[in-house]
Amino acid sequence: MHLKEGASALPTEQTTTSSSGLDVSKVLLELEVPFSPDQVRWRVTNTTNDKKRGQIVPYADSRAYTDRLNALFTRRAGPASTRSRR
């Protein structure tokens, strides 16, 4: 991605559409949607020395993240993707 001098790579409140026509506000809202419970796993990250207590954190498999991003950024079939190229 090439930015103009002084331009920000991150969307701002004033910027709702990217130069490619992508609705940034909509994408950000869709990225905030929690994963379904069947996609969430739990991992023990810290335990006490006696291993009787610990801290767990939720995480999703990397495939869940990939699927989410593909669903948001892959072109869908439609008039724009079926036009013949000149």
Protein backbone atom coordinates (compact mmCIF):
# COMPACT_ATOMS: atom_id res chain seq x y z
CA MET A 1 0.00 0.00 0.00
CA HIS A 2 1.36 3.41 -0.95
CA LEU A 3 0.42 6.36 1.19
CA LYS A 4 0.61 10.02 0.36
CA GLU A 5 2.95 12.02 2.55
CA GLY A 6 1.22 12.77 5.85
CA ALA A 7 -1.51 10.17 5.23
CA SER A 8 -2.40 7.59 7.85
CA ALA A 9 -2.72 3.85 7.17
CA LEU A 10 -5.36 3.60 9.88
CA PRO A 11 -8.95 4.69 9.30
CA THR A 12 -10.10 7.80 11.11
CA GLU A 13 -13.56 8.91 12.13
CA GLN A 14 -13.68 11.11 9.01
CA THR A 15 -12.63 8.27 6.70
CA THR A 16 -15.41 5.76 6.08
CA THR A 17 -14.52 4.59 2.57
CA SER A 18 -11.11 3.48 1.33
CA SER A 19 -9.70 4.49 -2.03
CA SER A 20 -10.83 1.09 -3.36
CA GLY A 21 -14.44 1.77 -2.31
CA LEU A 22 -14.32 -0.47 0.77
CA ASP A 23 -16.60 0.72 3.59
CA VAL A 24 -14.07 0.80 6.43
CA SER A 25 -16.65 1.44 9.16
CA LYS A 26 -18.63 -1.63 8.12
CA VAL A 27 -15.52 -3.83 8.00
CA LEU A 28 -14.42 -2.70 11.45
CA LEU A 29 -17.86 -3.47 12.87
CA GLU A 30 -17.80 -6.94 11.29
CA LEU A 31 -14.33 -7.62 12.71
CA GLU A 32 -15.64 -6.87 16.21
CA VAL A 33 -18.25 -9.65 16.03
CA PRO A 34 -17.24 -12.38 18.52
CA PHE A 35 -16.40 -15.83 17.25
CA SER A 36 -19.03 -18.48 17.87
CA PRO A 37 -18.50 -20.54 21.06
CA ASP A 38 -17.62 -23.66 19.07
CA GLN A 39 -14.62 -21.81 17.58
CA VAL A 40 -13.24 -20.68 20.95
CA ARG A 41 -10.66 -22.80 22.77
CA TRP A 42 -9.04 -22.21 26.16
CA ARG A 43 -5.36 -22.33 27.02
CA VAL A 44 -3.65 -22.37 30.43
CA THR A 45 -1.02 -19.63 30.42
CA ASN A 46 0.16 -19.33 34.03
CA THR A 47 0.03 -21.72 36.96
CA THR A 48 1.12 -21.56 40.57
CA ASN A 49 4.17 -23.58 41.60
CA ASP A 50 1.95 -26.31 43.06
CA LYS A 51 -0.11 -26.39 39.81
CA LYS A 52 -3.38 -26.12 41.76
CA ARG A 53 -4.36 -22.73 40.31
CA GLY A 54 -3.83 -21.14 36.96
CA GLN A 55 -4.87 -18.50 34.49
CA ILE A 56 -6.67 -19.38 31.27
CA VAL A 57 -7.22 -17.30 28.14
CA PRO A 58 -9.60 -17.80 25.23
CA TYR A 59 -8.27 -18.08 21.70
CA ALA A 60 -9.52 -19.08 18.28
CA ASP A 61 -7.77 -21.37 15.85
CA SER A 62 -5.85 -19.46 13.17
CA ARG A 63 -8.25 -20.90 10.57
CA ALA A 64 -11.13 -18.96 12.18
CA TYR A 65 -9.22 -15.71 11.70
CA THR A 66 -8.34 -16.59 8.10
CA ASP A 67 -11.93 -17.51 7.30
CA ARG A 68 -13.19 -14.23 8.80
CA LEU A 69 -10.72 -12.14 6.79
CA ASN A 70 -11.43 -14.05 3.58
CA ALA A 71 -15.16 -13.53 4.05
CA LEU A 72 -14.64 -9.78 4.43
CA PHE A 73 -12.01 -9.10 1.78
CA THR A 74 -12.44 -11.69 -0.97
CA ARG A 75 -14.38 -10.40 -3.93
CA ARG A 76 -17.77 -11.95 -4.24
CA ALA A 77 -19.18 -13.03 -7.57
CA GLY A 78 -21.23 -10.28 -9.11
CA PRO A 79 -21.31 -7.68 -11.84
CA ALA A 80 -17.95 -6.11 -10.94
CA SER A 81 -16.08 -9.43 -10.89
CA THR A 82 -17.66 -10.81 -14.07
CA ARG A 83 -16.89 -7.87 -16.36
CA SER A 84 -14.56 -8.68 -19.19
CA ARG A 85 -11.17 -7.02 -19.02
CA ARG A 86 -10.06 -4.79 -21.86
